[in-house]
Full PDB file with SEQRES, HELIX, SHEET, SSBOND, CRYST1, ORIGX, SCALE, CONECT and MASTER records, all heavy atoms in Angstrom:
SEQRES   1 A   31  TRP ASN ASN ALA GLY GLN ILE VAL ALA LYS SER TYR ASP          
SEQRES   2 A   31  SER THR GLN CYS ASP VAL SER LYS LEU ALA SER GLY THR          
SEQRES   3 A   31  TYR PHE LEU GLN ILE                                          
CRYST1    1.000    1.000    1.000  90.00  90.00  90.00 P 1           1          
ORIGX1      1.000000  0.000000  0.000000        0.00000                         
ORIGX2      0.000000  1.000000  0.000000        0.00000                         
ORIGX3      0.000000  0.000000  1.000000        0.00000                         
SCALE1      1.000000  0.000000  0.000000        0.00000                         
SCALE2      0.000000  1.000000  0.000000        0.00000                         
SCALE3      0.000000  0.000000  1.000000        0.00000                         
ATOM      1  N   TRP A   1      48.252 -87.944  38.164  1.00  0.00           N  
ATOM      2  CA  TRP A   1      46.994 -87.279  38.511  1.00  0.00           C  
ATOM      3  C   TRP A   1      47.289 -86.035  39.348  1.00  0.00           C  
ATOM      4  O   TRP A   1      48.167 -86.054  40.211  1.00  0.00           O  
ATOM      5  CB  TRP A   1      46.126 -88.203  39.361  1.00  0.00           C  
ATOM      6  CG  TRP A   1      45.795 -89.507  38.727  1.00  0.00           C  
ATOM      7  CD1 TRP A   1      46.628 -90.573  38.554  1.00  0.00           C  
ATOM      8  CD2 TRP A   1      44.559 -89.895  38.169  1.00  0.00           C  
ATOM      9  NE1 TRP A   1      45.975 -91.599  37.927  1.00  0.00           N  
ATOM     10  CE2 TRP A   1      44.693 -91.207  37.681  1.00  0.00           C  
ATOM     11  CE3 TRP A   1      43.336 -89.263  38.036  1.00  0.00           C  
ATOM     12  CZ2 TRP A   1      43.656 -91.888  37.069  1.00  0.00           C  
ATOM     13  CZ3 TRP A   1      42.300 -89.945  37.435  1.00  0.00           C  
ATOM     14  CH2 TRP A   1      42.459 -91.241  36.955  1.00  0.00           C  
ATOM     15  N   ASN A   2      46.528 -84.977  39.141  1.00  0.00           N  
ATOM     16  CA  ASN A   2      46.657 -83.798  39.999  1.00  0.00           C  
ATOM     17  C   ASN A   2      45.706 -83.920  41.183  1.00  0.00           C  
ATOM     18  O   ASN A   2      44.964 -84.904  41.307  1.00  0.00           O  
ATOM     19  CB  ASN A   2      46.428 -82.505  39.198  1.00  0.00           C  
ATOM     20  CG  ASN A   2      45.019 -82.367  38.654  1.00  0.00           C  
ATOM     21  OD1 ASN A   2      44.082 -83.061  39.061  1.00  0.00           O  
ATOM     22  ND2 ASN A   2      44.860 -81.455  37.704  1.00  0.00           N  
ATOM     23  N   ASN A   3      45.688 -82.919  42.030  1.00  0.00           N  
ATOM     24  CA  ASN A   3      44.853 -82.951  43.238  1.00  0.00           C  
ATOM     25  C   ASN A   3      43.357 -82.884  42.932  1.00  0.00           C  
ATOM     26  O   ASN A   3      42.533 -83.222  43.773  1.00  0.00           O  
ATOM     27  CB  ASN A   3      45.226 -81.808  44.177  1.00  0.00           C  
ATOM     28  CG  ASN A   3      46.568 -82.044  44.816  1.00  0.00           C  
ATOM     29  OD1 ASN A   3      47.013 -83.177  44.939  1.00  0.00           O  
ATOM     30  ND2 ASN A   3      47.250 -80.972  45.203  1.00  0.00           N  
ATOM     31  N   ALA A   4      43.000 -82.461  41.713  1.00  0.00           N  
ATOM     32  CA  ALA A   4      41.595 -82.396  41.309  1.00  0.00           C  
ATOM     33  C   ALA A   4      41.115 -83.710  40.701  1.00  0.00           C  
ATOM     34  O   ALA A   4      39.974 -83.825  40.279  1.00  0.00           O  
ATOM     35  CB  ALA A   4      41.390 -81.252  40.317  1.00  0.00           C  
ATOM     36  N   GLY A   5      42.010 -84.710  40.635  1.00  0.00           N  
ATOM     37  CA  GLY A   5      41.636 -86.009  40.101  1.00  0.00           C  
ATOM     38  C   GLY A   5      41.709 -86.103  38.585  1.00  0.00           C  
ATOM     39  O   GLY A   5      41.144 -87.016  37.998  1.00  0.00           O  
ATOM     40  N   GLN A   6      42.419 -85.171  37.950  1.00  0.00           N  
ATOM     41  CA  GLN A   6      42.564 -85.179  36.502  1.00  0.00           C  
ATOM     42  C   GLN A   6      43.896 -85.808  36.104  1.00  0.00           C  
ATOM     43  O   GLN A   6      44.915 -85.570  36.762  1.00  0.00           O  
ATOM     44  CB  GLN A   6      42.518 -83.757  35.951  1.00  0.00           C  
ATOM     45  CG  GLN A   6      41.247 -83.027  36.276  1.00  0.00           C  
ATOM     46  CD  GLN A   6      41.376 -81.535  36.047  1.00  0.00           C  
ATOM     47  OE1 GLN A   6      42.366 -80.917  36.406  1.00  0.00           O  
ATOM     48  NE2 GLN A   6      40.355 -80.952  35.438  1.00  0.00           N  
ATOM     49  N   ILE A   7      43.888 -86.578  35.023  1.00  0.00           N  
ATOM     50  CA  ILE A   7      45.150 -87.104  34.492  1.00  0.00           C  
ATOM     51  C   ILE A   7      45.842 -85.969  33.757  1.00  0.00           C  
ATOM     52  O   ILE A   7      45.278 -85.370  32.848  1.00  0.00           O  
ATOM     53  CB  ILE A   7      44.908 -88.298  33.555  1.00  0.00           C  
ATOM     54  CG1 ILE A   7      44.316 -89.473  34.335  1.00  0.00           C  
ATOM     55  CG2 ILE A   7      46.218 -88.715  32.883  1.00  0.00           C  
ATOM     56  CD1 ILE A   7      43.958 -90.666  33.485  1.00  0.00           C  
ATOM     57  N   VAL A   8      47.083 -85.664  34.177  1.00  0.00           N  
ATOM     58  CA  VAL A   8      47.816 -84.538  33.593  1.00  0.00           C  
ATOM     59  C   VAL A   8      49.026 -84.994  32.782  1.00  0.00           C  
ATOM     60  O   VAL A   8      49.635 -84.191  32.075  1.00  0.00           O  
ATOM     61  CB  VAL A   8      48.237 -83.524  34.681  1.00  0.00           C  
ATOM     62  CG1 VAL A   8      46.996 -82.844  35.267  1.00  0.00           C  
ATOM     63  CG2 VAL A   8      49.038 -84.197  35.786  1.00  0.00           C  
ATOM     64  N   ALA A   9      49.391 -86.261  32.877  1.00  0.00           N  
ATOM     65  CA  ALA A   9      50.482 -86.834  32.068  1.00  0.00           C  
ATOM     66  C   ALA A   9      50.296 -88.341  32.057  1.00  0.00           C  
ATOM     67  O   ALA A   9      49.777 -88.915  33.015  1.00  0.00           O  
ATOM     68  CB  ALA A   9      51.840 -86.464  32.643  1.00  0.00           C  
ATOM     69  N   LYS A  10      50.717 -88.969  30.949  1.00  0.00           N  
ATOM     70  CA  LYS A  10      50.640 -90.428  30.885  1.00  0.00           C  
ATOM     71  C   LYS A  10      51.648 -90.944  29.875  1.00  0.00           C  
ATOM     72  O   LYS A  10      52.110 -90.211  29.011  1.00  0.00           O  
ATOM     73  CB  LYS A  10      49.232 -90.904  30.551  1.00  0.00           C  
ATOM     74  CG  LYS A  10      48.653 -90.370  29.279  1.00  0.00           C  
ATOM     75  CD  LYS A  10      47.205 -90.774  29.152  1.00  0.00           C  
ATOM     76  CE  LYS A  10      46.541 -89.986  28.043  1.00  0.00           C  
ATOM     77  NZ  LYS A  10      45.131 -90.282  27.940  1.00  0.00           N  
ATOM     78  N   SER A  11      51.976 -92.216  30.018  1.00  0.00           N  
ATOM     79  CA  SER A  11      52.845 -92.883  29.052  1.00  0.00           C  
ATOM     80  C   SER A  11      52.472 -94.350  28.987  1.00  0.00           C  
ATOM     81  O   SER A  11      51.853 -94.892  29.905  1.00  0.00           O  
ATOM     82  CB  SER A  11      54.326 -92.702  29.406  1.00  0.00           C  
ATOM     83  OG  SER A  11      54.662 -93.473  30.524  1.00  0.00           O  
ATOM     84  N   TYR A  12      52.838 -94.962  27.891  1.00  0.00           N  
ATOM     85  CA  TYR A  12      52.516 -96.369  27.652  1.00  0.00           C  
ATOM     86  C   TYR A  12      53.798 -97.130  27.338  1.00  0.00           C  
ATOM     87  O   TYR A  12      54.666 -96.608  26.616  1.00  0.00           O  
ATOM     88  CB  TYR A  12      51.558 -96.513  26.458  1.00  0.00           C  
ATOM     89  CG  TYR A  12      50.246 -95.819  26.662  1.00  0.00           C  
ATOM     90  CD1 TYR A  12      50.055 -94.508  26.245  1.00  0.00           C  
ATOM     91  CD2 TYR A  12      49.187 -96.470  27.286  1.00  0.00           C  
ATOM     92  CE1 TYR A  12      48.844 -93.865  26.434  1.00  0.00           C  
ATOM     93  CE2 TYR A  12      47.974 -95.833  27.474  1.00  0.00           C  
ATOM     94  CZ  TYR A  12      47.814 -94.538  27.055  1.00  0.00           C  
ATOM     95  OH  TYR A  12      46.609 -93.905  27.244  1.00  0.00           O  
ATOM     96  N   ASP A  13      53.907 -98.353  27.861  1.00  0.00           N  
ATOM     97  CA  ASP A  13      54.999 -99.259  27.541  1.00  0.00           C  
ATOM     98  C   ASP A  13      56.353 -98.565  27.632  1.00  0.00           C  
ATOM     99  O   ASP A  13      57.096 -98.484  26.652  1.00  0.00           O  
ATOM    100  CB  ASP A  13      54.784 -99.857  26.150  1.00  0.00           C  
ATOM    101  CG  ASP A  13      55.675-101.066  25.909  1.00  0.00           C  
ATOM    102  OD1 ASP A  13      56.058-101.737  26.881  1.00  0.00           O  
ATOM    103  OD2 ASP A  13      56.004-101.317  24.734  1.00  0.00           O  
ATOM    104  N   SER A  14      56.674 -98.057  28.819  1.00  0.00           N  
ATOM    105  CA  SER A  14      57.878 -97.250  28.985  1.00  0.00           C  
ATOM    106  C   SER A  14      58.412 -97.337  30.409  1.00  0.00           C  
ATOM    107  O   SER A  14      57.739 -97.817  31.319  1.00  0.00           O  
ATOM    108  CB  SER A  14      57.554 -95.794  28.648  1.00  0.00           C  
ATOM    109  OG  SER A  14      58.708 -94.987  28.720  1.00  0.00           O  
ATOM    110  N   THR A  15      59.626 -96.821  30.581  1.00  0.00           N  
ATOM    111  CA  THR A  15      60.226 -96.678  31.914  1.00  0.00           C  
ATOM    112  C   THR A  15      60.256 -95.222  32.342  1.00  0.00           C  
ATOM    113  O   THR A  15      60.829 -94.887  33.371  1.00  0.00           O  
ATOM    114  CB  THR A  15      61.666 -97.226  31.940  1.00  0.00           C  
ATOM    115  OG1 THR A  15      62.449 -96.503  30.980  1.00  0.00           O  
ATOM    116  CG2 THR A  15      61.696 -98.713  31.656  1.00  0.00           C  
ATOM    117  N   GLN A  16      59.645 -94.331  31.542  1.00  0.00           N  
ATOM    118  CA  GLN A  16      59.655 -92.911  31.883  1.00  0.00           C  
ATOM    119  C   GLN A  16      58.359 -92.236  31.465  1.00  0.00           C  
ATOM    120  O   GLN A  16      57.623 -92.739  30.629  1.00  0.00           O  
ATOM    121  CB  GLN A  16      60.838 -92.207  31.236  1.00  0.00           C  
ATOM    122  CG  GLN A  16      60.879 -92.310  29.746  1.00  0.00           C  
ATOM    123  CD  GLN A  16      62.179 -91.771  29.174  1.00  0.00           C  
ATOM    124  OE1 GLN A  16      63.139 -91.526  29.896  1.00  0.00           O  
ATOM    125  NE2 GLN A  16      62.221 -91.589  27.876  1.00  0.00           N  
ATOM    126  N   CYS A  17      58.119 -91.083  32.081  1.00  0.00           N  
ATOM    127  CA  CYS A  17      56.930 -90.297  31.774  1.00  0.00           C  
ATOM    128  C   CYS A  17      57.327 -88.824  31.842  1.00  0.00           C  
ATOM    129  O   CYS A  17      57.909 -88.380  32.835  1.00  0.00           O  
ATOM    130  CB  CYS A  17      55.815 -90.604  32.769  1.00  0.00           C  
ATOM    131  SG  CYS A  17      54.261 -89.766  32.412  1.00  0.00           S  
ATOM    132  N   ASP A  18      57.012 -88.076  30.803  1.00  0.00           N  
ATOM    133  CA  ASP A  18      57.369 -86.666  30.714  1.00  0.00           C  
ATOM    134  C   ASP A  18      56.446 -85.824  31.596  1.00  0.00           C  
ATOM    135  O   ASP A  18      55.228 -85.845  31.433  1.00  0.00           O  
ATOM    136  CB  ASP A  18      57.265 -86.209  29.261  1.00  0.00           C  
ATOM    137  CG  ASP A  18      57.656 -84.762  29.055  1.00  0.00           C  
ATOM    138  OD1 ASP A  18      58.307 -84.171  29.939  1.00  0.00           O  
ATOM    139  OD2 ASP A  18      57.308 -84.204  28.002  1.00  0.00           O  
ATOM    140  N   VAL A  19      57.050 -85.082  32.530  1.00  0.00           N  
ATOM    141  CA  VAL A  19      56.295 -84.163  33.388  1.00  0.00           C  
ATOM    142  C   VAL A  19      56.859 -82.748  33.292  1.00  0.00           C  
ATOM    143  O   VAL A  19      56.608 -81.919  34.149  1.00  0.00           O  
ATOM    144  CB  VAL A  19      56.272 -84.647  34.865  1.00  0.00           C  
ATOM    145  CG1 VAL A  19      55.469 -85.920  35.008  1.00  0.00           C  
ATOM    146  CG2 VAL A  19      57.674 -84.816  35.419  1.00  0.00           C  
ATOM    147  N   SER A  20      57.601 -82.472  32.225  1.00  0.00           N  
ATOM    148  CA  SER A  20      58.281 -81.182  32.081  1.00  0.00           C  
ATOM    149  C   SER A  20      57.310 -80.002  31.973  1.00  0.00           C  
ATOM    150  O   SER A  20      57.687 -78.875  32.283  1.00  0.00           O  
ATOM    151  CB  SER A  20      59.202 -81.202  30.858  1.00  0.00           C  
ATOM    152  OG  SER A  20      58.469 -81.433  29.670  1.00  0.00           O  
ATOM    153  N   LYS A  21      56.073 -80.245  31.572  1.00  0.00           N  
ATOM    154  CA  LYS A  21      55.101 -79.158  31.422  1.00  0.00           C  
ATOM    155  C   LYS A  21      54.231 -78.950  32.663  1.00  0.00           C  
ATOM    156  O   LYS A  21      53.384 -78.063  32.683  1.00  0.00           O  
ATOM    157  CB  LYS A  21      54.235 -79.424  30.200  1.00  0.00           C  
ATOM    158  CG  LYS A  21      55.037 -79.359  28.909  1.00  0.00           C  
ATOM    159  CD  LYS A  21      54.152 -79.533  27.706  1.00  0.00           C  
ATOM    160  CE  LYS A  21      54.881 -79.186  26.456  1.00  0.00           C  
ATOM    161  NZ  LYS A  21      55.578 -80.170  25.765  1.00  0.00           N  
ATOM    162  N   LEU A  22      54.452 -79.765  33.687  1.00  0.00           N  
ATOM    163  CA  LEU A  22      53.628 -79.642  34.895  1.00  0.00           C  
ATOM    164  C   LEU A  22      54.172 -78.558  35.816  1.00  0.00           C  
ATOM    165  O   LEU A  22      55.376 -78.347  35.920  1.00  0.00           O  
ATOM    166  CB  LEU A  22      53.602 -80.967  35.652  1.00  0.00           C  
ATOM    167  CG  LEU A  22      52.965 -82.146  34.941  1.00  0.00           C  
ATOM    168  CD1 LEU A  22      52.940 -83.361  35.870  1.00  0.00           C  
ATOM    169  CD2 LEU A  22      51.568 -81.821  34.453  1.00  0.00           C  
ATOM    170  N   ALA A  23      53.264 -77.898  36.506  1.00  0.00           N  
ATOM    171  CA  ALA A  23      53.645 -76.919  37.526  1.00  0.00           C  
ATOM    172  C   ALA A  23      54.250 -77.646  38.721  1.00  0.00           C  
ATOM    173  O   ALA A  23      53.946 -78.819  38.964  1.00  0.00           O  
ATOM    174  CB  ALA A  23      52.417 -76.135  37.961  1.00  0.00           C  
ATOM    175  N   SER A  24      55.096 -76.966  39.447  1.00  0.00           N  
ATOM    176  CA  SER A  24      55.656 -77.545  40.670  1.00  0.00           C  
ATOM    177  C   SER A  24      54.529 -77.914  41.605  1.00  0.00           C  
ATOM    178  O   SER A  24      53.529 -77.203  41.701  1.00  0.00           O  
ATOM    179  CB  SER A  24      56.577 -76.547  41.362  1.00  0.00           C  
ATOM    180  OG  SER A  24      57.686 -76.267  40.552  1.00  0.00           O  
ATOM    181  N   GLY A  25      54.690 -79.040  42.283  1.00  0.00           N  
ATOM    182  CA  GLY A  25      53.666 -79.445  43.224  1.00  0.00           C  
ATOM    183  C   GLY A  25      53.687 -80.933  43.482  1.00  0.00           C  
ATOM    184  O   GLY A  25      54.601 -81.646  43.061  1.00  0.00           O  
ATOM    185  N   THR A  26      52.666 -81.409  44.156  1.00  0.00           N  
ATOM    186  CA  THR A  26      52.537 -82.811  44.532  1.00  0.00           C  
ATOM    187  C   THR A  26      51.490 -83.464  43.640  1.00  0.00           C  
ATOM    188  O   THR A  26      50.410 -82.923  43.425  1.00  0.00           O  
ATOM    189  CB  THR A  26      52.124 -82.927  46.007  1.00  0.00           C  
ATOM    190  OG1 THR A  26      53.107 -82.262  46.803  1.00  0.00           O  
ATOM    191  CG2 THR A  26      52.024 -84.374  46.446  1.00  0.00           C  
ATOM    192  N   TYR A  27      51.835 -84.653  43.144  1.00  0.00           N  
ATOM    193  CA  TYR A  27      50.969 -85.396  42.228  1.00  0.00           C  
ATOM    194  C   TYR A  27      50.923 -86.857  42.663  1.00  0.00           C  
ATOM    195  O   TYR A  27      51.751 -87.308  43.457  1.00  0.00           O  
ATOM    196  CB  TYR A  27      51.498 -85.318  40.787  1.00  0.00           C  
ATOM    197  CG  TYR A  27      51.487 -83.922  40.219  1.00  0.00           C  
ATOM    198  CD1 TYR A  27      52.548 -83.044  40.441  1.00  0.00           C  
ATOM    199  CD2 TYR A  27      50.409 -83.476  39.462  1.00  0.00           C  
ATOM    200  CE1 TYR A  27      52.538 -81.758  39.926  1.00  0.00           C  
ATOM    201  CE2 TYR A  27      50.386 -82.193  38.939  1.00  0.00           C  
ATOM    202  CZ  TYR A  27      51.458 -81.336  39.172  1.00  0.00           C  
ATOM    203  OH  TYR A  27      51.433 -80.065  38.667  1.00  0.00           O  
ATOM    204  N   PHE A  28      49.991 -87.584  42.110  1.00  0.00           N  
ATOM    205  CA  PHE A  28      49.811 -88.998  42.381  1.00  0.00           C  
ATOM    206  C   PHE A  28      50.173 -89.764  41.116  1.00  0.00           C  
ATOM    207  O   PHE A  28      49.691 -89.439  40.030  1.00  0.00           O  
ATOM    208  CB  PHE A  28      48.350 -89.241  42.767  1.00  0.00           C  
ATOM    209  CG  PHE A  28      48.007 -90.656  43.086  1.00  0.00           C  
ATOM    210  CD1 PHE A  28      48.394 -91.227  44.281  1.00  0.00           C  
ATOM    211  CD2 PHE A  28      47.277 -91.415  42.195  1.00  0.00           C  
ATOM    212  CE1 PHE A  28      48.063 -92.540  44.575  1.00  0.00           C  
ATOM    213  CE2 PHE A  28      46.935 -92.725  42.481  1.00  0.00           C  
ATOM    214  CZ  PHE A  28      47.339 -93.281  43.678  1.00  0.00           C  
ATOM    215  N   LEU A  29      51.044 -90.763  41.228  1.00  0.00           N  
ATOM    216  CA  LEU A  29      51.474 -91.576  40.093  1.00  0.00           C  
ATOM    217  C   LEU A  29      50.911 -92.979  40.244  1.00  0.00           C  
ATOM    218  O   LEU A  29      51.088 -93.616  41.282  1.00  0.00           O  
ATOM    219  CB  LEU A  29      53.003 -91.637  40.038  1.00  0.00           C  
ATOM    220  CG  LEU A  29      53.624 -92.611  39.038  1.00  0.00           C  
ATOM    221  CD1 LEU A  29      53.292 -92.209  37.604  1.00  0.00           C  
ATOM    222  CD2 LEU A  29      55.132 -92.690  39.243  1.00  0.00           C  
ATOM    223  N   GLN A  30      50.238 -93.457  39.204  1.00  0.00           N  
ATOM    224  CA  GLN A  30      49.714 -94.817  39.182  1.00  0.00           C  
ATOM    225  C   GLN A  30      50.407 -95.567  38.050  1.00  0.00           C  
ATOM    226  O   GLN A  30      50.503 -95.067  36.931  1.00  0.00           O  
ATOM    227  CB  GLN A  30      48.211 -94.822  38.955  1.00  0.00           C  
ATOM    228  CG  GLN A  30      47.618 -96.211  38.955  1.00  0.00           C  
ATOM    229  CD  GLN A  30      46.117 -96.186  38.726  1.00  0.00           C  
ATOM    230  OE1 GLN A  30      45.571 -95.222  38.205  1.00  0.00           O  
ATOM    231  NE2 GLN A  30      45.459 -97.249  39.115  1.00  0.00           N  
ATOM    232  N   ILE A  31      50.899 -96.768  38.351  1.00  0.00           N  
ATOM    233  CA  ILE A  31      51.626 -97.578  37.387  1.00  0.00           C  
ATOM    234  C   ILE A  31      50.943 -98.931  37.269  1.00  0.00           C  
ATOM    235  O   ILE A  31      50.646 -99.572  38.271  1.00  0.00           O  
ATOM    236  CB  ILE A  31      53.089 -97.786  37.843  1.00  0.00           C  
ATOM    237  CG1 ILE A  31      53.807 -96.448  37.969  1.00  0.00           C  
ATOM    238  CG2 ILE A  31      53.815 -98.709  36.882  1.00  0.00           C  
ATOM    239  CD1 ILE A  31      55.169 -96.556  38.623  1.00  0.00           C  
TER     240      ILE A  31                                                      
MASTER        0    0    0    0    0    0    0    6  239    1    0    3          
END                                                                             
């Protein structure tokens, strides 16, 4: 999630999540 409360990346049934397209910054990860 970004600071505006939008989901900006997600993954299902995995041990990894691609964030290569995100801008540098602080995000919230929910698992």
